Amino acid sequence: MAADSRPPPRCPVCRRRASEENRPFCSPRCAQVDLGRWLTGGYAIPGEAEDAQRIDEDDA
């Protein structure tokens, strides 16, 4: 079987080469940065927010 010719994976935060023990990140620091972005809403699907009152009415 031929050797894998794909480039090594890169850290999604800093773009350095990912390490095996922290994959897909290069370090624990980049993993924490990514988690912080998730927890503070740094990653979101673009679009208009729904009206909270309308959501409550749908649940009733």
C-alpha atoms as a PDB file:
ATOM      1  CA  MET A   1       0.000   0.000   0.000  1.00  0.00           C
ATOM      2  CA  ALA A   2       1.322   3.468  -0.870  1.00  0.00           C
ATOM      3  CA  ALA A   3       2.294   5.932   1.836  1.00  0.00           C
ATOM      4  CA  ASP A   4      -0.260   8.598   2.684  1.00  0.00           C
ATOM      5  CA  SER A   5       0.575  11.643   0.550  1.00  0.00           C
ATOM      6  CA  ARG A   6      -1.764  14.096   2.298  1.00  0.00           C
ATOM      7  CA  PRO A   7      -0.135  17.019   4.101  1.00  0.00           C
ATOM      8  CA  PRO A   8      -0.015  16.743   7.902  1.00  0.00           C
ATOM      9  CA  PRO A   9      -3.080  18.162   9.686  1.00  0.00           C
ATOM     10  CA  ARG A  10      -2.871  21.759  10.863  1.00  0.00           C
ATOM     11  CA  CYS A  11      -4.136  23.299  14.096  1.00  0.00           C
ATOM     12  CA  PRO A  12      -7.418  25.152  13.382  1.00  0.00           C
ATOM     13  CA  VAL A  13      -6.406  27.974  15.760  1.00  0.00           C
ATOM     14  CA  CYS A  14      -2.799  28.840  14.844  1.00  0.00           C
ATOM     15  CA  ARG A  15      -2.233  26.680  11.720  1.00  0.00           C
ATOM     16  CA  ARG A  16       0.899  24.979  13.155  1.00  0.00           C
ATOM     17  CA  ARG A  17       1.290  21.235  12.710  1.00  0.00           C
ATOM     18  CA  ALA A  18      -1.143  19.320  14.960  1.00  0.00           C
ATOM     19  CA  SER A  19       0.375  17.072  17.606  1.00  0.00           C
ATOM     20  CA  GLU A  20      -0.785  13.501  18.168  1.00  0.00           C
ATOM     21  CA  GLU A  21      -1.544  14.025  21.870  1.00  0.00           C
ATOM     22  CA  ASN A  22      -3.589  17.223  21.288  1.00  0.00           C
ATOM     23  CA  ARG A  23      -5.110  16.426  17.913  1.00  0.00           C
ATOM     24  CA  PRO A  24      -6.585  18.318  16.086  1.00  0.00           C
ATOM     25  CA  PHE A  25      -4.732  21.089  17.937  1.00  0.00           C
ATOM     26  CA  CYS A  26      -1.014  21.693  18.298  1.00  0.00           C
ATOM     27  CA  SER A  27      -1.098  22.299  22.055  1.00  0.00           C
ATOM     28  CA  PRO A  28      -3.388  22.381  25.100  1.00  0.00           C
ATOM     29  CA  ARG A  29      -3.356  26.180  24.828  1.00  0.00           C
ATOM     30  CA  CYS A  30      -4.912  26.139  21.348  1.00  0.00           C
ATOM     31  CA  ALA A  31      -7.507  23.620  22.564  1.00  0.00           C
ATOM     32  CA  GLN A  32      -8.445  26.037  25.378  1.00  0.00           C
ATOM     33  CA  VAL A  33      -8.607  28.990  22.968  1.00  0.00           C
ATOM     34  CA  ASP A  34     -10.994  27.008  20.762  1.00  0.00           C
ATOM     35  CA  LEU A  35     -13.161  26.004  23.740  1.00  0.00           C
ATOM     36  CA  GLY A  36     -13.305  29.643  24.844  1.00  0.00           C
ATOM     37  CA  ARG A  37     -14.506  30.667  21.399  1.00  0.00           C
ATOM     38  CA  TRP A  38     -17.315  28.093  21.561  1.00  0.00           C
ATOM     39  CA  LEU A  39     -18.364  29.158  25.067  1.00  0.00           C
ATOM     40  CA  THR A  40     -18.437  32.881  24.275  1.00  0.00           C
ATOM     41  CA  GLY A  41     -20.305  32.535  20.990  1.00  0.00           C
ATOM     42  CA  GLY A  42     -17.282  33.073  18.782  1.00  0.00           C
ATOM     43  CA  TYR A  43     -18.552  30.338  16.508  1.00  0.00           C
ATOM     44  CA  ALA A  44     -22.094  30.902  15.300  1.00  0.00           C
ATOM     45  CA  ILE A  45     -24.225  30.217  12.278  1.00  0.00           C
ATOM     46  CA  PRO A  46     -24.866  33.526  10.508  1.00  0.00           C
ATOM     47  CA  GLY A  47     -28.461  34.621  10.243  1.00  0.00           C
ATOM     48  CA  GLU A  48     -31.149  36.584  11.969  1.00  0.00           C
ATOM     49  CA  ALA A  49     -31.940  35.686  15.566  1.00  0.00           C
ATOM     50  CA  GLU A  50     -35.478  34.500  16.175  1.00  0.00           C
ATOM     51  CA  ASP A  51     -37.726  36.521  18.414  1.00  0.00           C
ATOM     52  CA  ALA A  52     -37.698  34.968  21.921  1.00  0.00           C
ATOM     53  CA  GLN A  53     -41.422  35.670  22.390  1.00  0.00           C
ATOM     54  CA  ARG A  54     -42.246  33.799  19.189  1.00  0.00           C
ATOM     55  CA  ILE A  55     -40.239  30.798  20.375  1.00  0.00           C
ATOM     56  CA  ASP A  56     -42.132  30.800  23.709  1.00  0.00           C
ATOM     57  CA  GLU A  57     -45.477  30.923  21.888  1.00  0.00           C
ATOM     58  CA  ASP A  58     -44.490  27.943  19.747  1.00  0.00           C
ATOM     59  CA  ASP A  59     -43.753  25.889  22.883  1.00  0.00           C
ATOM     60  CA  ALA A  60     -47.152  26.641  24.463  1.00  0.00           C
END
